[in-house]
Amino acid sequence: MTALLPAAFEALVPFADRWVIDGSIARAARRGDADPADRAAFFTAAAPLLDAALAHLDRYPIDTLPQAEQRLMDMMLTLAHVSLTEEILGDQEPAHARQRQSMRITRSPAGA
């Protein structure tokens, strides 16, 4: 059986179904659609593990990450989106989410 996330990051498994997201457009949409308490709980759990996660991921070539590591990478990229809300926007997130709905993103960096 393949682990959902690398062993050192098992504390994040309860968040995987909602926060392992492929693609920057989908990550931005999830951030805006998320319940504020859910978003805050994910941020509180994941942010302290960011440095360890990046150090762990640096041990692998980016284009051949094992599945568990790819999920961890997707989760940390989602954390980058969520941290904008949690650290900067705060209660202004709903207004920004409405504005994002009007923006048509046609392209984002490959693999982002």
Protein backbone atom coordinates (compact mmCIF):
# COMPACT_ATOMS: atom_id res chain seq x y z
CA MET A 1 0.00 0.00 0.00
CA THR A 2 1.31 3.42 -0.96
CA ALA A 3 1.43 6.01 1.80
CA LEU A 4 -0.76 9.03 1.23
CA LEU A 5 2.04 11.35 2.40
CA PRO A 6 5.64 10.71 3.47
CA ALA A 7 5.87 9.29 7.00
CA ALA A 8 7.20 12.50 8.59
CA PHE A 9 4.08 14.34 7.42
CA GLU A 10 1.37 11.96 8.60
CA ALA A 11 -0.10 14.76 10.75
CA LEU A 12 -1.28 16.35 7.49
CA VAL A 13 -3.18 13.27 6.23
CA PRO A 14 -6.53 14.52 7.63
CA PHE A 15 -6.18 17.57 5.35
CA ALA A 16 -5.15 15.71 2.20
CA ASP A 17 -8.60 15.19 0.72
CA ARG A 18 -9.24 18.95 0.71
CA TRP A 19 -5.77 20.49 0.31
CA VAL A 20 -3.74 18.25 -2.04
CA ILE A 21 -4.61 20.18 -5.18
CA ASP A 22 -2.98 20.05 -8.60
CA GLY A 23 -2.75 23.35 -10.47
CA SER A 24 -2.59 26.97 -9.39
CA ILE A 25 -6.04 27.82 -10.76
CA ALA A 26 -7.65 25.03 -8.74
CA ARG A 27 -5.64 26.03 -5.65
CA ALA A 28 -6.84 29.62 -5.87
CA ALA A 29 -10.43 28.46 -6.31
CA ARG A 30 -10.22 26.13 -3.29
CA ARG A 31 -8.76 28.91 -1.16
CA GLY A 32 -11.67 31.17 -2.02
CA ASP A 33 -14.32 28.47 -1.61
CA ALA A 34 -12.99 27.09 1.68
CA ASP A 35 -14.68 27.58 4.99
CA PRO A 36 -12.53 30.06 6.96
CA ALA A 37 -12.18 27.65 9.91
CA ASP A 38 -11.07 24.82 7.61
CA ARG A 39 -8.58 27.09 5.88
CA ALA A 40 -7.20 28.28 9.24
CA ALA A 41 -6.93 24.72 10.58
CA PHE A 42 -4.98 23.63 7.49
CA PHE A 43 -2.67 26.64 7.77
CA THR A 44 -2.08 26.03 11.49
CA ALA A 45 -1.19 22.39 10.87
CA ALA A 46 0.86 22.79 7.69
CA ALA A 47 2.78 26.05 8.10
CA PRO A 48 5.10 24.75 10.85
CA LEU A 49 6.01 21.80 8.59
CA LEU A 50 6.86 23.87 5.52
CA ASP A 51 10.64 24.00 6.04
CA ALA A 52 10.81 20.26 6.76
CA ALA A 53 8.62 19.52 3.75
CA LEU A 54 10.79 21.56 1.41
CA ALA A 55 13.96 19.94 2.78
CA HIS A 56 12.37 16.51 2.26
CA LEU A 57 11.24 17.34 -1.29
CA ASP A 58 14.68 18.70 -2.21
CA ARG A 59 16.00 15.14 -2.01
CA TYR A 60 14.10 14.21 -5.20
CA PRO A 61 14.21 15.42 -8.80
CA ILE A 62 11.19 17.68 -9.24
CA ASP A 63 10.03 15.94 -12.42
CA THR A 64 10.08 12.43 -10.92
CA LEU A 65 8.60 12.83 -7.45
CA PRO A 66 7.19 9.63 -5.96
CA GLN A 67 3.39 9.79 -5.47
CA ALA A 68 3.50 10.59 -1.74
CA GLU A 69 6.04 13.33 -2.33
CA GLN A 70 3.99 14.75 -5.22
CA ARG A 71 0.99 14.97 -2.93
CA LEU A 72 3.15 16.71 -0.31
CA MET A 73 4.40 19.14 -2.99
CA ASP A 74 0.83 19.88 -4.10
CA MET A 75 -0.18 20.43 -0.48
CA MET A 76 2.70 22.84 0.16
CA LEU A 77 1.87 24.76 -3.02
CA THR A 78 -1.71 25.01 -1.77
CA LEU A 79 -0.32 26.25 1.54
CA ALA A 80 1.30 29.12 -0.36
CA HIS A 81 -2.16 30.17 -1.58
CA VAL A 82 -3.75 29.76 1.84
CA SER A 83 -0.96 31.67 3.58
CA LEU A 84 -1.86 34.76 1.55
CA THR A 85 -5.28 34.73 3.17
CA GLU A 86 -4.14 33.76 6.64
CA GLU A 87 -1.14 36.11 6.86
CA ILE A 88 -2.20 39.09 4.75
CA LEU A 89 -5.83 39.28 3.61
CA GLY A 90 -7.55 38.02 6.73
CA ASP A 91 -11.21 39.01 6.76
CA GLN A 92 -10.82 40.63 3.33
CA GLU A 93 -10.61 37.18 1.67
CA PRO A 94 -14.34 37.08 0.72
CA ALA A 95 -13.99 40.33 -1.25
CA HIS A 96 -10.89 39.06 -3.01
CA ALA A 97 -12.60 35.73 -3.75
CA ARG A 98 -15.45 37.58 -5.49
CA GLN A 99 -12.94 39.53 -7.58
CA ARG A 100 -11.09 36.32 -8.53
CA GLN A 101 -14.35 34.89 -9.87
CA SER A 102 -14.38 37.69 -12.43
CA MET A 103 -10.80 37.10 -13.51
CA ARG A 104 -10.29 34.64 -16.32
CA ILE A 105 -6.93 32.96 -15.86
CA THR A 106 -5.91 31.51 -19.20
CA ARG A 107 -2.45 30.26 -18.36
CA SER A 108 -0.26 29.56 -15.36
CA PRO A 109 3.32 28.30 -15.14
CA ALA A 110 3.73 24.63 -15.98
CA GLY A 111 3.55 22.49 -12.89
CA ALA A 112 2.45 25.36 -10.68
